[in-house]
Amino acid sequence: MDRGSRYRRARQRLILIGAALTSLYCANLHQAGVEGLTVDTSPLGAVIVGLTIVGLLLLGDRLQRWRLKEQIELLHIEINEAKRNRQAAEITETGYFQRLRGKARGMRGEGGPSPGERGES
């Protein structure tokens, strides 16, 4: 499963849990016979609201940590690629490598080595 899919699934779960807790709170309001959108001040209503808030905060925090972890993984990949490219450039820019490249071209018939590659000045 790719990173985008994990993020979307986590987001969907967050939305579903928030909707379920909101539904539970609304059902509690309905059972209490409260008309309109007034606040349920019963202990159960307070617990449900508190749990809803805590649940959403925890899930939001977890989602944020997942995002940060993915960003760190991407940065590590980019750093490793840059390091690998730098090391490859250090190798390919050496005189020894250039001489080997010239010899390989000469063997393939792509043109002989340049005077500097043959050791001539």
PDB file of N, CA and C in Angstrom:
ATOM      1  N   MET A   1       0.856  -1.181   0.000  1.00  0.00           N
ATOM      2  CA  MET A   1       0.000   0.000   0.000  1.00  0.00           C
ATOM      3  C   MET A   1       0.894   1.234   0.000  1.00  0.00           C
ATOM      4  N   ASP A   2       0.642   2.160  -0.908  1.00  0.00           N
ATOM      5  CA  ASP A   2       1.461   3.355  -1.012  1.00  0.00           C
ATOM      6  C   ASP A   2       1.096   4.373   0.064  1.00  0.00           C
ATOM      7  N   ARG A   3       1.920   5.397   0.164  1.00  0.00           N
ATOM      8  CA  ARG A   3       1.734   6.406   1.218  1.00  0.00           C
ATOM      9  C   ARG A   3       0.426   7.156   1.069  1.00  0.00           C
ATOM     10  N   GLY A   4       0.074   7.488  -0.179  1.00  0.00           N
ATOM     11  CA  GLY A   4      -1.163   8.217  -0.417  1.00  0.00           C
ATOM     12  C   GLY A   4      -2.375   7.421   0.022  1.00  0.00           C
ATOM     13  N   SER A   5      -2.366   6.120  -0.223  1.00  0.00           N
ATOM     14  CA  SER A   5      -3.491   5.264   0.181  1.00  0.00           C
ATOM     15  C   SER A   5      -3.611   5.207   1.700  1.00  0.00           C
ATOM     16  N   ARG A   6      -2.470   5.082   2.377  1.00  0.00           N
ATOM     17  CA  ARG A   6      -2.511   5.050   3.849  1.00  0.00           C
ATOM     18  C   ARG A   6      -3.069   6.357   4.402  1.00  0.00           C
ATOM     19  N   TYR A   7      -2.652   7.462   3.807  1.00  0.00           N
ATOM     20  CA  TYR A   7      -3.133   8.765   4.256  1.00  0.00           C
ATOM     21  C   TYR A   7      -4.643   8.870   4.033  1.00  0.00           C
ATOM     22  N   ARG A   8      -5.117   8.465   2.844  1.00  0.00           N
ATOM     23  CA  ARG A   8      -6.554   8.545   2.549  1.00  0.00           C
ATOM     24  C   ARG A   8      -7.360   7.642   3.482  1.00  0.00           C
ATOM     25  N   ARG A   9      -6.853   6.436   3.740  1.00  0.00           N
ATOM     26  CA  ARG A   9      -7.570   5.528   4.649  1.00  0.00           C
ATOM     27  C   ARG A   9      -7.642   6.100   6.057  1.00  0.00           C
ATOM     28  N   ALA A  10      -6.539   6.659   6.528  1.00  0.00           N
ATOM     29  CA  ALA A  10      -6.520   7.250   7.863  1.00  0.00           C
ATOM     30  C   ALA A  10      -7.480   8.433   7.930  1.00  0.00           C
ATOM     31  N   ARG A  11      -7.500   9.226   6.878  1.00  0.00           N
ATOM     32  CA  ARG A  11      -8.416  10.371   6.835  1.00  0.00           C
ATOM     33  C   ARG A  11      -9.868   9.904   6.844  1.00  0.00           C
ATOM     34  N   GLN A  12     -10.164   8.859   6.087  1.00  0.00           N
ATOM     35  CA  GLN A  12     -11.524   8.316   6.061  1.00  0.00           C
ATOM     36  C   GLN A  12     -11.925   7.796   7.431  1.00  0.00           C
ATOM     37  N   ARG A  13     -10.996   7.109   8.100  1.00  0.00           N
ATOM     38  CA  ARG A  13     -11.291   6.606   9.453  1.00  0.00           C
ATOM     39  C   ARG A  13     -11.572   7.754  10.406  1.00  0.00           C
ATOM     40  N   LEU A  14     -10.780   8.792  10.305  1.00  0.00           N
ATOM     41  CA  LEU A  14     -10.970   9.967  11.156  1.00  0.00           C
ATOM     42  C   LEU A  14     -12.354  10.565  10.937  1.00  0.00           C
ATOM     43  N   ILE A  15     -12.746  10.685   9.683  1.00  0.00           N
ATOM     44  CA  ILE A  15     -14.061  11.244   9.372  1.00  0.00           C
ATOM     45  C   ILE A  15     -15.174  10.338   9.891  1.00  0.00           C
ATOM     46  N   LEU A  16     -15.026   9.022   9.701  1.00  0.00           N
ATOM     47  CA  LEU A  16     -16.054   8.084  10.165  1.00  0.00           C
ATOM     48  C   LEU A  16     -16.190   8.094  11.683  1.00  0.00           C
ATOM     49  N   ILE A  17     -15.071   8.127  12.369  1.00  0.00           N
ATOM     50  CA  ILE A  17     -15.130   8.146  13.837  1.00  0.00           C
ATOM     51  C   ILE A  17     -15.754   9.446  14.320  1.00  0.00           C
ATOM     52  N   GLY A  18     -15.375  10.542  13.693  1.00  0.00           N
ATOM     53  CA  GLY A  18     -15.980  11.824  14.065  1.00  0.00           C
ATOM     54  C   GLY A  18     -17.477  11.824  13.816  1.00  0.00           C
ATOM     55  N   ALA A  19     -17.893  11.249  12.675  1.00  0.00           N
ATOM     56  CA  ALA A  19     -19.323  11.173  12.365  1.00  0.00           C
ATOM     57  C   ALA A  19     -20.054  10.275  13.356  1.00  0.00           C
ATOM     58  N   ALA A  20     -19.425   9.160  13.721  1.00  0.00           N
ATOM     59  CA  ALA A  20     -20.063   8.242  14.680  1.00  0.00           C
ATOM     60  C   ALA A  20     -20.221   8.901  16.045  1.00  0.00           C
ATOM     61  N   LEU A  21     -19.186   9.597  16.494  1.00  0.00           N
ATOM     62  CA  LEU A  21     -19.280  10.262  17.798  1.00  0.00           C
ATOM     63  C   LEU A  21     -20.299  11.393  17.766  1.00  0.00           C
ATOM     64  N   THR A  22     -20.360  12.104  16.646  1.00  0.00           N
ATOM     65  CA  THR A  22     -21.358  13.168  16.508  1.00  0.00           C
ATOM     66  C   THR A  22     -22.763  12.581  16.510  1.00  0.00           C
ATOM     67  N   SER A  23     -22.941  11.451  15.806  1.00  0.00           N
ATOM     68  CA  SER A  23     -24.250  10.784  15.787  1.00  0.00           C
ATOM     69  C   SER A  23     -24.647  10.335  17.176  1.00  0.00           C
ATOM     70  N   LEU A  24     -23.682   9.801  17.915  1.00  0.00           N
ATOM     71  CA  LEU A  24     -23.966   9.366  19.284  1.00  0.00           C
ATOM     72  C   LEU A  24     -24.398  10.554  20.138  1.00  0.00           C
ATOM     73  N   TYR A  25     -23.728  11.665  19.987  1.00  0.00           N
ATOM     74  CA  TYR A  25     -24.086  12.859  20.737  1.00  0.00           C
ATOM     75  C   TYR A  25     -25.484  13.348  20.352  1.00  0.00           C
ATOM     76  N   CYS A  26     -25.793  13.363  19.043  1.00  0.00           N
ATOM     77  CA  CYS A  26     -27.115  13.789  18.588  1.00  0.00           C
ATOM     78  C   CYS A  26     -28.205  12.836  19.067  1.00  0.00           C
ATOM     79  N   ALA A  27     -27.897  11.542  19.070  1.00  0.00           N
ATOM     80  CA  ALA A  27     -28.869  10.564  19.572  1.00  0.00           C
ATOM     81  C   ALA A  27     -29.128  10.812  21.057  1.00  0.00           C
ATOM     82  N   ASN A  28     -28.109  11.162  21.778  1.00  0.00           N
ATOM     83  CA  ASN A  28     -28.259  11.472  23.196  1.00  0.00           C
ATOM     84  C   ASN A  28     -29.141  12.706  23.374  1.00  0.00           C
ATOM     85  N   LEU A  29     -28.956  13.705  22.524  1.00  0.00           N
ATOM     86  CA  LEU A  29     -29.800  14.897  22.576  1.00  0.00           C
ATOM     87  C   LEU A  29     -31.256  14.535  22.286  1.00  0.00           C
ATOM     88  N   HIS A  30     -31.457  13.676  21.304  1.00  0.00           N
ATOM     89  CA  HIS A  30     -32.810  13.279  20.920  1.00  0.00           C
ATOM     90  C   HIS A  30     -33.485  12.478  22.041  1.00  0.00           C
ATOM     91  N   GLN A  31     -32.742  11.572  22.643  1.00  0.00           N
ATOM     92  CA  GLN A  31     -33.306  10.763  23.722  1.00  0.00           C
ATOM     93  C   GLN A  31     -33.689  11.632  24.912  1.00  0.00           C
ATOM     94  N   ALA A  32     -32.931  12.657  25.142  1.00  0.00           N
ATOM     95  CA  ALA A  32     -33.220  13.534  26.270  1.00  0.00           C
ATOM     96  C   ALA A  32     -34.411  14.440  25.973  1.00  0.00           C
ATOM     97  N   GLY A  33     -34.890  14.408  24.719  1.00  0.00           N
ATOM     98  CA  GLY A  33     -36.044  15.215  24.366  1.00  0.00           C
ATOM     99  C   GLY A  33     -35.709  16.676  24.202  1.00  0.00           C
ATOM    100  N   VAL A  34     -34.460  16.984  23.929  1.00  0.00           N
ATOM    101  CA  VAL A  34     -34.030  18.368  23.770  1.00  0.00           C
ATOM    102  C   VAL A  34     -34.473  18.849  22.396  1.00  0.00           C
ATOM    103  N   GLU A  35     -35.079  20.002  22.346  1.00  0.00           N
ATOM    104  CA  GLU A  35     -35.555  20.549  21.084  1.00  0.00           C
ATOM    105  C   GLU A  35     -34.487  21.498  20.540  1.00  0.00           C
ATOM    106  N   GLY A  36     -34.303  21.428  19.247  1.00  0.00           N
ATOM    107  CA  GLY A  36     -33.336  22.315  18.606  1.00  0.00           C
ATOM    108  C   GLY A  36     -31.912  21.871  18.883  1.00  0.00           C
ATOM    109  N   LEU A  37     -31.000  22.781  18.664  1.00  0.00           N
ATOM    110  CA  LEU A  37     -29.584  22.468  18.843  1.00  0.00           C
ATOM    111  C   LEU A  37     -29.062  23.067  20.141  1.00  0.00           C
ATOM    112  N   THR A  38     -29.631  22.654  21.219  1.00  0.00           N
ATOM    113  CA  THR A  38     -29.153  23.110  22.521  1.00  0.00           C
ATOM    114  C   THR A  38     -28.117  22.126  23.041  1.00  0.00           C
ATOM    115  N   VAL A  39     -27.347  22.545  23.982  1.00  0.00           N
ATOM    116  CA  VAL A  39     -26.284  21.714  24.526  1.00  0.00           C
ATOM    117  C   VAL A  39     -26.840  20.828  25.633  1.00  0.00           C
ATOM    118  N   ASP A  40     -26.472  19.555  25.571  1.00  0.00           N
ATOM    119  CA  ASP A  40     -26.865  18.599  26.601  1.00  0.00           C
ATOM    120  C   ASP A  40     -25.923  18.780  27.783  1.00  0.00           C
ATOM    121  N   THR A  41     -26.455  19.189  28.911  1.00  0.00           N
ATOM    122  CA  THR A  41     -25.608  19.446  30.071  1.00  0.00           C
ATOM    123  C   THR A  41     -25.577  18.278  31.041  1.00  0.00           C
ATOM    124  N   SER A  42     -26.166  17.141  30.654  1.00  0.00           N
ATOM    125  CA  SER A  42     -26.135  15.973  31.539  1.00  0.00           C
ATOM    126  C   SER A  42     -24.714  15.418  31.589  1.00  0.00           C
ATOM    127  N   PRO A  43     -24.405  14.644  32.619  1.00  0.00           N
ATOM    128  CA  PRO A  43     -23.070  14.047  32.715  1.00  0.00           C
ATOM    129  C   PRO A  43     -22.733  13.185  31.490  1.00  0.00           C
ATOM    130  N   LEU A  44     -23.708  12.421  30.998  1.00  0.00           N
ATOM    131  CA  LEU A  44     -23.459  11.591  29.827  1.00  0.00           C
ATOM    132  C   LEU A  44     -23.161  12.458  28.610  1.00  0.00           C
ATOM    133  N   GLY A  45     -23.888  13.538  28.431  1.00  0.00           N
ATOM    134  CA  GLY A  45     -23.640  14.446  27.311  1.00  0.00           C
ATOM    135  C   GLY A  45     -22.252  15.041  27.383  1.00  0.00           C
ATOM    136  N   ALA A  46     -21.844  15.419  28.582  1.00  0.00           N
ATOM    137  CA  ALA A  46     -20.508  15.992  28.763  1.00  0.00           C
ATOM    138  C   ALA A  46     -19.430  14.961  28.449  1.00  0.00           C
ATOM    139  N   VAL A  47     -19.663  13.722  28.856  1.00  0.00           N
ATOM    140  CA  VAL A  47     -18.699  12.650  28.575  1.00  0.00           C
ATOM    141  C   VAL A  47     -18.595  12.416  27.071  1.00  0.00           C
ATOM    142  N   ILE A  48     -19.737  12.381  26.398  1.00  0.00           N
ATOM    143  CA  ILE A  48     -19.738  12.133  24.955  1.00  0.00           C
ATOM    144  C   ILE A  48     -19.020  13.265  24.221  1.00  0.00           C
ATOM    145  N   VAL A  49     -19.318  14.498  24.603  1.00  0.00           N
ATOM    146  CA  VAL A  49     -18.641  15.636  23.962  1.00  0.00           C
ATOM    147  C   VAL A  49     -17.139  15.567  24.235  1.00  0.00           C
ATOM    148  N   GLY A  50     -16.791  15.287  25.471  1.00  0.00           N
ATOM    149  CA  GLY A  50     -15.366  15.183  25.823  1.00  0.00           C
ATOM    150  C   GLY A  50     -14.660  14.088  25.036  1.00  0.00           C
ATOM    151  N   LEU A  51     -15.299  12.922  24.951  1.00  0.00           N
ATOM    152  CA  LEU A  51     -14.703  11.822  24.194  1.00  0.00           C
ATOM    153  C   LEU A  51     -14.583  12.159  22.713  1.00  0.00           C
ATOM    154  N   THR A  52     -15.586  12.851  22.203  1.00  0.00           N
ATOM    155  CA  THR A  52     -15.536  13.254  20.795  1.00  0.00           C
ATOM    156  C   THR A  52     -14.335  14.155  20.546  1.00  0.00           C
ATOM    157  N   ILE A  53     -14.154  15.128  21.389  1.00  0.00           N
ATOM    158  CA  ILE A  53     -13.041  16.069  21.224  1.00  0.00           C
ATOM    159  C   ILE A  53     -11.702  15.356  21.381  1.00  0.00           C
ATOM    160  N   VAL A  54     -11.582  14.545  22.430  1.00  0.00           N
ATOM    161  CA  VAL A  54     -10.322  13.825  22.661  1.00  0.00           C
ATOM    162  C   VAL A  54     -10.027  12.876  21.509  1.00  0.00           C
ATOM    163  N   GLY A  55     -11.053  12.155  21.063  1.00  0.00           N
ATOM    164  CA  GLY A  55     -10.865  11.221  19.953  1.00  0.00           C
ATOM    165  C   GLY A  55     -10.408  11.916  18.689  1.00  0.00           C
ATOM    166  N   LEU A  56     -11.037  13.024  18.371  1.00  0.00           N
ATOM    167  CA  LEU A  56     -10.651  13.762  17.168  1.00  0.00           C
ATOM    168  C   LEU A  56      -9.244  14.344  17.293  1.00  0.00           C
ATOM    169  N   LEU A  57      -8.889  14.822  18.478  1.00  0.00           N
ATOM    170  CA  LEU A  57      -7.540  15.349  18.680  1.00  0.00           C
ATOM    171  C   LEU A  57      -6.492  14.254  18.539  1.00  0.00           C
ATOM    172  N   LEU A  58      -6.756  13.087  19.141  1.00  0.00           N
ATOM    173  CA  LEU A  58      -5.807  11.980  19.059  1.00  0.00           C
ATOM    174  C   LEU A  58      -5.649  11.486  17.622  1.00  0.00           C
ATOM    175  N   LEU A  59      -6.750  11.371  16.924  1.00  0.00           N
ATOM    176  CA  LEU A  59      -6.680  10.904  15.545  1.00  0.00           C
ATOM    177  C   LEU A  59      -5.995  11.930  14.648  1.00  0.00           C
ATOM    178  N   GLY A  60      -6.281  13.206  14.888  1.00  0.00           N
ATOM    179  CA  GLY A  60      -5.609  14.254  14.134  1.00  0.00           C
ATOM    180  C   GLY A  60      -4.108  14.251  14.382  1.00  0.00           C
ATOM    181  N   ASP A  61      -3.725  14.026  15.638  1.00  0.00           N
ATOM    182  CA  ASP A  61      -2.313  13.955  15.998  1.00  0.00           C
ATOM    183  C   ASP A  61      -1.642  12.769  15.311  1.00  0.00           C
ATOM    184  N   ARG A  62      -2.331  11.630  15.311  1.00  0.00           N
ATOM    185  CA  ARG A  62      -1.773  10.438  14.668  1.00  0.00           C
ATOM    186  C   ARG A  62      -1.606  10.664  13.165  1.00  0.00           C
ATOM    187  N   LEU A  63      -2.590  11.280  12.559  1.00  0.00           N
ATOM    188  CA  LEU A  63      -2.531  11.567  11.129  1.00  0.00           C
ATOM    189  C   LEU A  63      -1.367  12.500  10.822  1.00  0.00           C
ATOM    190  N   GLN A  64      -1.172  13.495  11.666  1.00  0.00           N
ATOM    191  CA  GLN A  64      -0.063  14.431  11.476  1.00  0.00           C
ATOM    192  C   GLN A  64       1.278  13.708  11.618  1.00  0.00           C
ATOM    193  N   ARG A  65       1.380  12.800  12.598  1.00  0.00           N
ATOM    194  CA  ARG A  65       2.621  12.039  12.761  1.00  0.00           C
ATOM    195  C   ARG A  65       2.899  11.176  11.536  1.00  0.00           C
ATOM    196  N   TRP A  66       1.858  10.569  10.957  1.00  0.00           N
ATOM    197  CA  TRP A  66       2.037   9.775   9.738  1.00  0.00           C
ATOM    198  C   TRP A  66       2.562  10.642   8.613  1.00  0.00           C
ATOM    199  N   ARG A  67       1.974  11.826   8.476  1.00  0.00           N
ATOM    200  CA  ARG A  67       2.428  12.734   7.424  1.00  0.00           C
ATOM    201  C   ARG A  67       3.891  13.107   7.617  1.00  0.00           C
ATOM    202  N   LEU A  68       4.269  13.449   8.843  1.00  0.00           N
ATOM    203  CA  LEU A  68       5.655  13.831   9.121  1.00  0.00           C
ATOM    204  C   LEU A  68       6.607  12.663   8.870  1.00  0.00           C
ATOM    205  N   LYS A  69       6.190  11.461   9.252  1.00  0.00           N
ATOM    206  CA  LYS A  69       7.023  10.278   9.030  1.00  0.00           C
ATOM    207  C   LYS A  69       7.244  10.064   7.530  1.00  0.00           C
ATOM    208  N   GLU A  70       6.205  10.237   6.734  1.00  0.00           N
ATOM    209  CA  GLU A  70       6.333  10.077   5.294  1.00  0.00           C
ATOM    210  C   GLU A  70       7.243  11.139   4.703  1.00  0.00           C
ATOM    211  N   GLN A  71       7.142  12.364   5.207  1.00  0.00           N
ATOM    212  CA  GLN A  71       8.007  13.438   4.717  1.00  0.00           C
ATOM    213  C   GLN A  71       9.469  13.139   5.046  1.00  0.00           C
ATOM    214  N   ILE A  72       9.716  12.603   6.240  1.00  0.00           N
ATOM    215  CA  ILE A  72      11.082  12.250   6.643  1.00  0.00           C
ATOM    216  C   ILE A  72      11.615  11.134   5.749  1.00  0.00           C
ATOM    217  N   GLU A  73      10.779  10.126   5.463  1.00  0.00           N
ATOM    218  CA  GLU A  73      11.198   9.039   4.578  1.00  0.00           C
ATOM    219  C   GLU A  73      11.564   9.577   3.196  1.00  0.00           C
ATOM    220  N   LEU A  74      10.759  10.506   2.678  1.00  0.00           N
ATOM    221  CA  LEU A  74      11.058  11.090   1.372  1.00  0.00           C
ATOM    222  C   LEU A  74      12.360  11.879   1.401  1.00  0.00           C
ATOM    223  N   LEU A  75      12.595  12.602   2.489  1.00  0.00           N
ATOM    224  CA  LEU A  75      13.843  13.359   2.613  1.00  0.00           C
ATOM    225  C   LEU A  75      15.044  12.424   2.654  1.00  0.00           C
ATOM    226  N   HIS A  76      14.918  11.295   3.376  1.00  0.00           N
ATOM    227  CA  HIS A  76      16.010  10.327   3.430  1.00  0.00           C
ATOM    228  C   HIS A  76      16.299   9.775   2.035  1.00  0.00           C
ATOM    229  N   ILE A  77      15.256   9.498   1.271  1.00  0.00           N
ATOM    230  CA  ILE A  77      15.435   8.996  -0.087  1.00  0.00           C
ATOM    231  C   ILE A  77      16.162  10.038  -0.935  1.00  0.00           C
ATOM    232  N   GLU A  78      15.737  11.293  -0.838  1.00  0.00           N
ATOM    233  CA  GLU A  78      16.372  12.355  -1.615  1.00  0.00           C
ATOM    234  C   GLU A  78      17.830  12.550  -1.209  1.00  0.00           C
ATOM    235  N   ILE A  79      18.100  12.483   0.087  1.00  0.00           N
ATOM    236  CA  ILE A  79      19.477  12.636   0.576  1.00  0.00           C
ATOM    237  C   ILE A  79      20.334  11.486   0.065  1.00  0.00           C
ATOM    238  N   ASN A  80      19.814  10.261   0.136  1.00  0.00           N
ATOM    239  CA  ASN A  80      20.575   9.103  -0.344  1.00  0.00           C
ATOM    240  C   ASN A  80      20.846   9.202  -1.841  1.00  0.00           C
ATOM    241  N   GLU A  81      19.857   9.658  -2.616  1.00  0.00           N
ATOM    242  CA  GLU A  81      20.056   9.815  -4.062  1.00  0.00           C
ATOM    243  C   GLU A  81      21.114  10.877  -4.346  1.00  0.00           C
ATOM    244  N   ALA A  82      21.061  11.979  -3.627  1.00  0.00           N
ATOM    245  CA  ALA A  82      22.045  13.053  -3.828  1.00  0.00           C
ATOM    246  C   ALA A  82      23.450  12.564  -3.461  1.00  0.00           C
ATOM    247  N   LYS A  83      23.548  11.805  -2.374  1.00  0.00           N
ATOM    248  CA  LYS A  83      24.837  11.276  -1.952  1.00  0.00           C
ATOM    249  C   LYS A  83      25.380  10.301  -2.994  1.00  0.00           C
ATOM    250  N   ARG A  84      24.502   9.437  -3.495  1.00  0.00           N
ATOM    251  CA  ARG A  84      24.909   8.465  -4.508  1.00  0.00           C
ATOM    252  C   ARG A  84      25.352   9.177  -5.798  1.00  0.00           C
ATOM    253  N   ASN A  85      24.624  10.202  -6.198  1.00  0.00           N
ATOM    254  CA  ASN A  85      24.999  10.975  -7.400  1.00  0.00           C
ATOM    255  C   ASN A  85      26.338  11.679  -7.216  1.00  0.00           C
ATOM    256  N   ARG A  86      26.554  12.217  -6.026  1.00  0.00           N
ATOM    257  CA  ARG A  86      27.826  12.900  -5.742  1.00  0.00           C
ATOM    258  C   ARG A  86      28.985  11.909  -5.781  1.00  0.00           C
ATOM    259  N   GLN A  87      28.784  10.740  -5.195  1.00  0.00           N
ATOM    260  CA  GLN A  87      29.835   9.725  -5.204  1.00  0.00           C
ATOM    261  C   GLN A  87      30.121   9.239  -6.623  1.00  0.00           C
ATOM    262  N   ALA A  88      29.083   9.058  -7.422  1.00  0.00           N
ATOM    263  CA  ALA A  88      29.274   8.628  -8.811  1.00  0.00           C
ATOM    264  C   ALA A  88      30.040   9.697  -9.582  1.00  0.00           C
ATOM    265  N   ALA A  89      29.703  10.970  -9.353  1.00  0.00           N
ATOM    266  CA  ALA A  89      30.404  12.060 -10.043  1.00  0.00           C
ATOM    267  C   ALA A  89      31.874  12.097  -9.636  1.00  0.00           C
ATOM    268  N   GLU A  90      32.158  11.871  -8.347  1.00  0.00           N
ATOM    269  CA  GLU A  90      33.547  11.860  -7.887  1.00  0.00           C
ATOM    270  C   GLU A  90      34.344  10.772  -8.589  1.00  0.00           C
ATOM    271  N   ILE A  91      33.719   9.636  -8.802  1.00  0.00           N
ATOM    272  CA  ILE A  91      34.409   8.529  -9.466  1.00  0.00           C
ATOM    273  C   ILE A  91      34.596   8.808 -10.949  1.00  0.00           C
ATOM    274  N   THR A  92      33.523   9.243 -11.617  1.00  0.00           N
ATOM    275  CA  THR A  92      33.589   9.425 -13.077  1.00  0.00           C
ATOM    276  C   THR A  92      34.436  10.621 -13.494  1.00  0.00           C
ATOM    277  N   GLU A  93      34.723  11.529 -12.580  1.00  0.00           N
ATOM    278  CA  GLU A  93      35.540  12.697 -12.917  1.00  0.00           C
ATOM    279  C   GLU A  93      37.031  12.457 -12.709  1.00  0.00           C
ATOM    280  N   THR A  94      37.414  11.307 -12.190  1.00  0.00           N
ATOM    281  CA  THR A  94      38.840  11.032 -11.971  1.00  0.00           C
ATOM    282  C   THR A  94      39.531  10.764 -13.300  1.00  0.00           C
ATOM    283  N   GLY A  95      40.809  11.036 -13.346  1.00  0.00           N
ATOM    284  CA  GLY A  95      41.597  10.779 -14.551  1.00  0.00           C
ATOM    285  C   GLY A  95      41.604   9.296 -14.897  1.00  0.00           C
ATOM    286  N   TYR A  96      41.717   8.459 -13.894  1.00  0.00           N
ATOM    287  CA  TYR A  96      41.742   7.007 -14.125  1.00  0.00           C
ATOM    288  C   TYR A  96      40.466   6.555 -14.837  1.00  0.00           C
ATOM    289  N   PHE A  97      39.326   7.016 -14.370  1.00  0.00           N
ATOM    290  CA  PHE A  97      38.054   6.626 -14.989  1.00  0.00           C
ATOM    291  C   PHE A  97      37.964   7.155 -16.414  1.00  0.00           C
ATOM    292  N   GLN A  98      38.441   8.391 -16.636  1.00  0.00           N
ATOM    293  CA  GLN A  98      38.413   8.964 -17.971  1.00  0.00           C
ATOM    294  C   GLN A  98      39.290   8.148 -18.930  1.00  0.00           C
ATOM    295  N   ARG A  99      40.458   7.695 -18.436  1.00  0.00           N
ATOM    296  CA  ARG A  99      41.321   6.853 -19.273  1.00  0.00           C
ATOM    297  C   ARG A  99      40.629   5.529 -19.595  1.00  0.00           C
ATOM    298  N   LEU A 100      40.005   4.921 -18.617  1.00  0.00           N
ATOM    299  CA  LEU A 100      39.275   3.663 -18.854  1.00  0.00           C
ATOM    300  C   LEU A 100      38.142   3.870 -19.857  1.00  0.00           C
ATOM    301  N   ARG A 101      37.443   4.968 -19.730  1.00  0.00           N
ATOM    302  CA  ARG A 101      36.356   5.276 -20.667  1.00  0.00           C
ATOM    303  C   ARG A 101      36.906   5.414 -22.095  1.00  0.00           C
ATOM    304  N   GLY A 102      38.030   6.092 -22.237  1.00  0.00           N
ATOM    305  CA  GLY A 102      38.656   6.259 -23.546  1.00  0.00           C
ATOM    306  C   GLY A 102      39.083   4.919 -24.135  1.00  0.00           C
ATOM    307  N   LYS A 103      39.659   4.055 -23.302  1.00  0.00           N
ATOM    308  CA  LYS A 103      40.061   2.735 -23.777  1.00  0.00           C
ATOM    309  C   LYS A 103      38.849   1.928 -24.217  1.00  0.00           C
ATOM    310  N   ALA A 104      37.761   2.008 -23.454  1.00  0.00           N
ATOM    311  CA  ALA A 104      36.541   1.269 -23.801  1.00  0.00           C
ATOM    312  C   ALA A 104      35.974   1.773 -25.122  1.00  0.00           C
ATOM    313  N   ARG A 105      35.991   3.072 -25.326  1.00  0.00           N
ATOM    314  CA  ARG A 105      35.510   3.633 -26.595  1.00  0.00           C
ATOM    315  C   ARG A 105      36.376   3.147 -27.754  1.00  0.00           C
ATOM    316  N   GLY A 106      37.661   3.144 -27.512  1.00  0.00           N
ATOM    317  CA  GLY A 106      38.583   2.685 -28.546  1.00  0.00           C
ATOM    318  C   GLY A 106      38.335   1.228 -28.901  1.00  0.00           C
ATOM    319  N   MET A 107      38.081   0.398 -27.913  1.00  0.00           N
ATOM    320  CA  MET A 107      37.825  -1.019 -28.164  1.00  0.00           C
ATOM    321  C   MET A 107      36.515  -1.221 -28.918  1.00  0.00           C
ATOM    322  N   ARG A 108      35.558  -0.353 -28.683  1.00  0.00           N
ATOM    323  CA  ARG A 108      34.266  -0.462 -29.370  1.00  0.00           C
ATOM    324  C   ARG A 108      34.310   0.195 -30.742  1.00  0.00           C
ATOM    325  N   GLY A 109      35.365   0.874 -31.020  1.00  0.00           N
ATOM    326  CA  GLY A 109      35.498   1.530 -32.312  1.00  0.00           C
ATOM    327  C   GLY A 109      34.791   2.862 -32.376  1.00  0.00           C
ATOM    328  N   GLU A 110      34.572   3.488 -31.247  1.00  0.00           N
ATOM    329  CA  GLU A 110      33.883   4.774 -31.212  1.00  0.00           C
ATOM    330  C   GLU A 110      34.865   5.932 -31.320  1.00  0.00           C
ATOM    331  N   GLY A 111      36.010   5.662 -31.740  1.00  0.00           N
ATOM    332  CA  GLY A 111      37.017   6.722 -31.803  1.00  0.00           C
ATOM    333  C   GLY A 111      38.111   6.402 -30.802  1.00  0.00           C
ATOM    334  N   GLY A 112      39.306   6.635 -31.184  1.00  0.00           N
ATOM    335  CA  GLY A 112      40.422   6.305 -30.338  1.00  0.00           C
ATOM    336  C   GLY A 112      40.533   7.236 -29.147  1.00  0.00           C
ATOM    337  N   PRO A 113      41.377   6.859 -28.220  1.00  0.00           N
ATOM    338  CA  PRO A 113      41.569   7.718 -27.054  1.00  0.00           C
ATOM    339  C   PRO A 113      42.238   9.019 -27.458  1.00  0.00           C
ATOM    340  N   SER A 114      41.935  10.063 -26.753  1.00  0.00           N
ATOM    341  CA  SER A 114      42.549  11.360 -27.025  1.00  0.00           C
ATOM    342  C   SER A 114      44.019  11.294 -26.638  1.00  0.00           C
ATOM    343  N   PRO A 115      44.852  12.235 -27.115  1.00  0.00           N
ATOM    344  CA  PRO A 115      46.288  12.210 -26.771  1.00  0.00           C
ATOM    345  C   PRO A 115      46.520  12.196 -25.271  1.00  0.00           C
ATOM    346  N   GLY A 116      45.718  12.908 -24.487  1.00  0.00           N
ATOM    347  CA  GLY A 116      45.875  12.919 -23.031  1.00  0.00           C
ATOM    348  C   GLY A 116      45.568  11.563 -22.426  1.00  0.00           C
ATOM    349  N   GLU A 117      44.643  10.832 -23.032  1.00  0.00           N
ATOM    350  CA  GLU A 117      44.271   9.520 -22.502  1.00  0.00           C
ATOM    351  C   GLU A 117      45.329   8.471 -22.832  1.00  0.00           C
ATOM    352  N   ARG A 118      46.121   8.697 -23.902  1.00  0.00           N
ATOM    353  CA  ARG A 118      47.181   7.746 -24.269  1.00  0.00           C
ATOM    354  C   ARG A 118      48.445   8.013 -23.477  1.00  0.00           C
ATOM    355  N   GLY A 119      48.430   9.086 -22.723  1.00  0.00           N
ATOM    356  CA  GLY A 119      49.609   9.402 -21.912  1.00  0.00           C
ATOM    357  C   GLY A 119      50.517  10.377 -22.632  1.00  0.00           C
ATOM    358  N   GLU A 120      50.133  10.866 -23.803  1.00  0.00           N
ATOM    359  CA  GLU A 120      50.920  11.843 -24.545  1.00  0.00           C
ATOM    360  C   GLU A 120      50.544  13.250 -24.117  1.00  0.00           C
ATOM    361  N   SER A 121      51.458  14.164 -24.220  1.00  0.00           N
ATOM    362  CA  SER A 121      51.174  15.554 -23.871  1.00  0.00           C
ATOM    363  C   SER A 121      51.141  16.405 -25.078  1.00  0.00           C
TER     364      SER A 121
END
